[in-house]
Structures are given as structure tokens and as C-alpha cells.
Amino acid sequence: MPYIKSGKLRALAVTSSKRNQQLPDVPTVIEAGIDAVRSTPEGLAAWVKAEVEKWTRAAKIANVVP
């Protein structure tokens, strides 16, 4: 919570059925319109591979050092 309150971390959603009283501006997952997508293990593996490649390129361009 201290990281969220300080602005160092941004909360995207809470997983509870109602908004958290300490974070009234953070929506629930349902409110955020996040939809589950059906896939196969192979489909998931392909998606993960593509995401890793995409974000690896973005990190290199931005000179992000782990």
C-alpha cells in the first residue's frame, strides 16, 4: 500500500467483488472490462513468447537495465 500511495506503483484493479475502501479510485477486475480468453497450451506459449520478444525490444530501446 505505501508504494501505491506514494505513486511508485500503480494499481490497475483489485480482485475483490467490491472496490477496496483504501483504494476507492481503483476499479475491480470486472469493472475494468478484463475478459478471459480461451486458448490452448500451445496458444498460450506462443502468446508468452511474442510478449517476451515485444517487451525485450521495448526495454532495449528504452535502455532499461534490470
N, C-alpha and C. Protein backbone atom coordinates (compact mmCIF):
# COMPACT_ATOMS: atom_id res chain seq x y z
N MET A 1 0.81 -1.20 0.00
CA MET A 1 0.00 0.00 0.00
C MET A 1 0.86 1.26 0.00
N PRO A 2 1.98 1.30 0.73
CA PRO A 2 2.79 2.52 0.71
C PRO A 2 3.29 2.89 -0.69
N TYR A 3 3.63 1.88 -1.51
CA TYR A 3 4.10 2.16 -2.86
C TYR A 3 2.99 2.75 -3.72
N ILE A 4 1.78 2.25 -3.55
CA ILE A 4 0.65 2.79 -4.31
C ILE A 4 0.36 4.21 -3.87
N LYS A 5 0.32 4.43 -2.57
CA LYS A 5 0.02 5.78 -2.06
C LYS A 5 1.09 6.78 -2.45
N SER A 6 2.36 6.33 -2.56
CA SER A 6 3.44 7.26 -2.91
C SER A 6 3.53 7.50 -4.42
N GLY A 7 2.82 6.69 -5.22
CA GLY A 7 2.87 6.85 -6.66
C GLY A 7 3.97 6.03 -7.32
N LYS A 8 4.73 5.26 -6.54
CA LYS A 8 5.78 4.42 -7.11
C LYS A 8 5.22 3.18 -7.80
N LEU A 9 4.01 2.81 -7.45
CA LEU A 9 3.34 1.65 -8.03
C LEU A 9 1.91 2.03 -8.36
N ARG A 10 1.44 1.63 -9.53
CA ARG A 10 0.08 1.97 -9.95
C ARG A 10 -0.80 0.72 -9.89
N ALA A 11 -1.85 0.78 -9.11
CA ALA A 11 -2.79 -0.33 -9.01
C ALA A 11 -3.74 -0.27 -10.20
N LEU A 12 -3.84 -1.35 -10.93
CA LEU A 12 -4.71 -1.39 -12.10
C LEU A 12 -6.12 -1.86 -11.75
N ALA A 13 -6.23 -2.79 -10.81
CA ALA A 13 -7.53 -3.32 -10.42
C ALA A 13 -7.36 -4.14 -9.14
N VAL A 14 -8.46 -4.32 -8.45
CA VAL A 14 -8.50 -5.22 -7.29
C VAL A 14 -9.31 -6.45 -7.67
N THR A 15 -9.00 -7.58 -7.07
CA THR A 15 -9.67 -8.82 -7.44
C THR A 15 -10.89 -9.12 -6.58
N SER A 16 -11.17 -8.28 -5.63
CA SER A 16 -12.36 -8.48 -4.80
C SER A 16 -13.62 -8.10 -5.57
N SER A 17 -14.76 -8.50 -5.04
CA SER A 17 -16.02 -8.20 -5.73
C SER A 17 -16.43 -6.73 -5.59
N LYS A 18 -15.88 -6.04 -4.59
CA LYS A 18 -16.16 -4.62 -4.37
C LYS A 18 -14.85 -3.86 -4.31
N ARG A 19 -14.90 -2.57 -4.59
CA ARG A 19 -13.70 -1.74 -4.50
C ARG A 19 -13.15 -1.73 -3.09
N ASN A 20 -11.84 -1.64 -2.99
CA ASN A 20 -11.17 -1.57 -1.70
C ASN A 20 -11.39 -0.18 -1.10
N GLN A 21 -11.76 -0.13 0.16
CA GLN A 21 -12.03 1.17 0.80
C GLN A 21 -10.79 2.05 0.84
N GLN A 22 -9.62 1.44 0.90
CA GLN A 22 -8.38 2.22 0.94
C GLN A 22 -7.97 2.71 -0.45
N LEU A 23 -8.55 2.09 -1.49
CA LEU A 23 -8.22 2.47 -2.86
C LEU A 23 -9.51 2.70 -3.65
N PRO A 24 -10.28 3.70 -3.28
CA PRO A 24 -11.59 3.89 -3.90
C PRO A 24 -11.55 4.21 -5.40
N ASP A 25 -10.42 4.69 -5.90
CA ASP A 25 -10.31 5.02 -7.32
C ASP A 25 -9.82 3.86 -8.18
N VAL A 26 -9.51 2.73 -7.55
CA VAL A 26 -9.03 1.56 -8.29
C VAL A 26 -10.23 0.64 -8.54
N PRO A 27 -10.51 0.35 -9.82
CA PRO A 27 -11.68 -0.47 -10.13
C PRO A 27 -11.47 -1.95 -9.80
N THR A 28 -12.57 -2.68 -9.74
CA THR A 28 -12.46 -4.13 -9.62
C THR A 28 -12.11 -4.68 -11.00
N VAL A 29 -11.71 -5.93 -11.05
CA VAL A 29 -11.37 -6.55 -12.34
C VAL A 29 -12.59 -6.53 -13.26
N ILE A 30 -13.75 -6.79 -12.71
CA ILE A 30 -14.98 -6.80 -13.53
C ILE A 30 -15.25 -5.42 -14.10
N GLU A 31 -15.08 -4.37 -13.28
CA GLU A 31 -15.30 -3.00 -13.76
C GLU A 31 -14.29 -2.61 -14.83
N ALA A 32 -13.08 -3.16 -14.76
CA ALA A 32 -12.03 -2.78 -15.70
C ALA A 32 -12.29 -3.38 -17.09
N GLY A 33 -13.37 -4.33 -17.26
CA GLY A 33 -13.68 -4.88 -18.56
C GLY A 33 -12.70 -5.90 -19.06
N ILE A 34 -11.89 -6.50 -18.13
CA ILE A 34 -10.89 -7.50 -18.47
C ILE A 34 -11.64 -8.80 -18.80
N ASP A 35 -11.40 -9.33 -20.00
CA ASP A 35 -12.08 -10.54 -20.43
C ASP A 35 -11.12 -11.71 -20.49
N ALA A 36 -11.58 -12.85 -20.00
CA ALA A 36 -10.78 -14.08 -20.11
C ALA A 36 -10.86 -14.58 -21.55
N VAL A 37 -9.77 -15.12 -22.02
CA VAL A 37 -9.71 -15.63 -23.38
C VAL A 37 -9.37 -17.11 -23.32
N ARG A 38 -10.16 -17.92 -24.03
CA ARG A 38 -9.86 -19.35 -24.10
C ARG A 38 -8.71 -19.57 -25.06
N SER A 39 -7.90 -20.55 -24.72
CA SER A 39 -6.76 -20.86 -25.58
C SER A 39 -6.32 -22.29 -25.30
N THR A 40 -5.29 -22.69 -25.99
CA THR A 40 -4.66 -23.99 -25.78
C THR A 40 -3.31 -23.75 -25.13
N PRO A 41 -2.69 -24.78 -24.58
CA PRO A 41 -1.34 -24.59 -24.05
C PRO A 41 -0.38 -24.05 -25.11
N GLU A 42 -0.53 -24.51 -26.34
CA GLU A 42 0.33 -24.03 -27.43
C GLU A 42 0.06 -22.56 -27.74
N GLY A 43 -1.21 -22.20 -27.72
CA GLY A 43 -1.58 -20.80 -27.96
C GLY A 43 -1.02 -19.89 -26.88
N LEU A 44 -1.11 -20.34 -25.64
CA LEU A 44 -0.56 -19.56 -24.53
C LEU A 44 0.95 -19.42 -24.68
N ALA A 45 1.62 -20.51 -25.02
CA ALA A 45 3.08 -20.46 -25.18
C ALA A 45 3.47 -19.48 -26.29
N ALA A 46 2.74 -19.49 -27.38
CA ALA A 46 3.02 -18.57 -28.49
C ALA A 46 2.81 -17.12 -28.06
N TRP A 47 1.74 -16.88 -27.30
CA TRP A 47 1.45 -15.52 -26.83
C TRP A 47 2.54 -15.04 -25.88
N VAL A 48 2.95 -15.91 -24.95
CA VAL A 48 4.00 -15.54 -24.00
C VAL A 48 5.30 -15.23 -24.74
N LYS A 49 5.65 -16.08 -25.72
CA LYS A 49 6.87 -15.85 -26.50
C LYS A 49 6.82 -14.50 -27.20
N ALA A 50 5.69 -14.18 -27.81
CA ALA A 50 5.55 -12.90 -28.51
C ALA A 50 5.64 -11.73 -27.54
N GLU A 51 5.03 -11.86 -26.38
CA GLU A 51 5.08 -10.79 -25.38
C GLU A 51 6.50 -10.57 -24.88
N VAL A 52 7.22 -11.66 -24.61
CA VAL A 52 8.60 -11.53 -24.15
C VAL A 52 9.45 -10.83 -25.20
N GLU A 53 9.28 -11.22 -26.46
CA GLU A 53 10.04 -10.57 -27.54
C GLU A 53 9.69 -9.09 -27.64
N LYS A 54 8.40 -8.77 -27.57
CA LYS A 54 7.96 -7.38 -27.69
C LYS A 54 8.53 -6.53 -26.56
N TRP A 55 8.41 -7.01 -25.32
CA TRP A 55 8.85 -6.20 -24.20
C TRP A 55 10.37 -6.19 -24.05
N THR A 56 11.04 -7.22 -24.55
CA THR A 56 12.50 -7.21 -24.56
C THR A 56 12.99 -6.11 -25.49
N ARG A 57 12.37 -6.00 -26.68
CA ARG A 57 12.73 -4.93 -27.62
C ARG A 57 12.45 -3.56 -27.00
N ALA A 58 11.29 -3.43 -26.36
CA ALA A 58 10.94 -2.14 -25.76
C ALA A 58 11.94 -1.76 -24.66
N ALA A 59 12.34 -2.73 -23.86
CA ALA A 59 13.30 -2.45 -22.78
C ALA A 59 14.65 -2.03 -23.35
N LYS A 60 15.08 -2.69 -24.44
CA LYS A 60 16.36 -2.32 -25.05
C LYS A 60 16.31 -0.92 -25.63
N ILE A 61 15.22 -0.58 -26.31
CA ILE A 61 15.06 0.76 -26.88
C ILE A 61 15.08 1.83 -25.79
N ALA A 62 14.45 1.52 -24.67
CA ALA A 62 14.36 2.48 -23.57
C ALA A 62 15.58 2.43 -22.65
N ASN A 63 16.54 1.58 -22.98
CA ASN A 63 17.75 1.42 -22.14
C ASN A 63 17.43 1.04 -20.72
N VAL A 64 16.45 0.17 -20.54
CA VAL A 64 16.07 -0.31 -19.22
C VAL A 64 17.09 -1.37 -18.80
N VAL A 65 17.63 -1.19 -17.62
CA VAL A 65 18.61 -2.15 -17.10
C VAL A 65 17.97 -2.88 -15.93
N PRO A 66 17.92 -4.22 -16.00
CA PRO A 66 17.29 -4.96 -14.90
C PRO A 66 18.08 -4.85 -13.61
